[in-house]
Each structure stands twice: as C-alpha cells, then as structure tokens.
C-alpha cells in the first residue's frame, strides 16, 4: 500500500524532511506499527520516534490514537502535541 507521511515541528526537523511517500510492508496496520517501522530506519527516524507516547497522529486529516488502524488511508501525519496560548 502506498501512503504519504507528513512530519511536523521537531519530528520534521529530526527526520530531515516534511513529507515522503512510502510503500508499507506487510504487517504495518496501525499507527504504532508504522511508527515502529519508521523508527527502525535508524538515524533521525529513530531519534524523532523514540518515544511514541509523546507523539500525536492523524489519518486522512482525522486525529487518531496510536492504536488506530491505517486501513486504506492516503495520508498520515505525525507530530508532537500541540499547545496554544
């Protein structure tokens, strides 16, 4: 399955890019699976995704938990918690 992944804020800075298109391997079904697979790439991915509990995600622009199924999504976003004032 082909998927566009968007990275924001310090996640983007550590990975070194704002988006990429990937083909998911078999077995990557949830956001947690995806984050684990990406972290396994090493380098900036491992650094940015080392603490998944600190991350937030969206699937096709809908906020989801890390246990959410990716399904047939076209786009996934990974970002740190958003705060405002």
Protein backbone atom coordinates (compact mmCIF):
# COMPACT_ATOMS: atom_id res chain seq x y z
CA UNK A 1 0.00 0.00 0.00
CA UNK A 2 1.24 3.47 -0.90
CA UNK A 3 1.00 6.18 1.74
CA UNK A 4 2.08 9.80 2.09
CA UNK A 5 3.52 10.59 5.51
CA UNK A 6 3.68 14.20 6.73
CA UNK A 7 6.01 15.24 9.56
CA UNK A 8 5.62 18.42 11.61
CA UNK A 9 7.62 20.55 14.07
CA UNK A 10 10.56 18.84 15.81
CA UNK A 11 9.61 15.48 14.26
CA UNK A 12 10.22 17.05 10.82
CA UNK A 13 13.45 18.66 11.98
CA UNK A 14 14.90 15.41 13.33
CA UNK A 15 13.86 13.33 10.34
CA UNK A 16 15.05 16.00 7.91
CA UNK A 17 12.02 16.17 5.65
CA UNK A 18 8.43 17.36 5.79
CA UNK A 19 6.88 14.51 3.83
CA UNK A 20 7.58 11.32 1.98
CA UNK A 21 5.76 8.65 0.01
CA UNK A 22 6.27 5.08 1.20
CA UNK A 23 5.09 1.60 0.37
CA UNK A 24 4.10 -0.08 3.60
CA UNK A 25 5.41 -3.58 4.27
CA UNK A 26 3.07 -6.39 5.26
CA UNK A 27 2.26 -6.28 8.94
CA UNK A 28 2.14 -2.49 9.27
CA UNK A 29 -1.51 -1.99 10.12
CA UNK A 30 -1.70 0.52 12.98
CA UNK A 31 -0.11 3.87 13.68
CA UNK A 32 2.05 2.17 16.33
CA UNK A 33 3.22 -0.36 13.71
CA UNK A 34 4.04 2.47 11.33
CA UNK A 35 5.99 4.44 13.91
CA UNK A 36 7.93 1.31 14.90
CA UNK A 37 8.73 0.54 11.26
CA UNK A 38 9.87 4.10 10.61
CA UNK A 39 11.99 4.21 13.79
CA UNK A 40 13.67 1.03 12.61
CA UNK A 41 15.16 3.00 9.73
CA UNK A 42 17.60 4.46 12.25
CA UNK A 43 19.21 7.90 12.22
CA UNK A 44 16.81 10.82 12.52
CA UNK A 45 13.81 8.49 12.37
CA UNK A 46 14.97 6.59 15.45
CA UNK A 47 15.64 9.85 17.28
CA UNK A 48 12.34 11.51 16.34
CA UNK A 49 10.19 8.45 17.01
CA UNK A 50 11.97 7.02 20.06
CA UNK A 51 9.12 7.94 22.41
CA UNK A 52 5.86 7.19 20.58
CA UNK A 53 3.80 8.14 23.63
CA UNK A 54 4.94 11.75 23.04
CA UNK A 55 3.56 11.79 19.50
CA UNK A 56 0.19 12.58 18.01
CA UNK A 57 -1.15 11.34 14.70
CA UNK A 58 -3.80 11.92 12.07
CA UNK A 59 -5.06 9.56 9.39
CA UNK A 60 -6.56 11.34 6.39
CA UNK A 61 -6.74 14.53 8.49
CA UNK A 62 -8.60 12.93 11.42
CA UNK A 63 -6.87 12.80 14.79
CA UNK A 64 -6.32 9.22 15.94
CA UNK A 65 -4.64 7.28 18.70
CA UNK A 66 -1.56 5.18 18.06
CA UNK A 67 -3.72 2.05 18.19
CA UNK A 68 -5.74 3.28 15.18
CA UNK A 69 -5.81 1.17 12.05
CA UNK A 70 -4.28 2.77 8.96
CA UNK A 71 -6.64 0.88 6.67
CA UNK A 72 -6.67 2.30 3.16
CA UNK A 73 -5.52 5.76 4.19
CA UNK A 74 -3.90 8.03 1.66
CA UNK A 75 -2.16 10.32 4.15
CA UNK A 76 -0.80 10.07 7.67
CA UNK A 77 0.60 12.91 9.76
CA UNK A 78 2.93 12.54 12.74
CA UNK A 79 3.54 15.49 15.05
CA UNK A 80 4.26 16.46 18.66
CA UNK A 81 1.45 17.56 20.98
CA UNK A 82 0.08 20.95 20.05
CA UNK A 83 -0.12 23.63 22.69
CA UNK A 84 -1.58 27.07 22.46
CA UNK A 85 -1.90 30.18 24.48
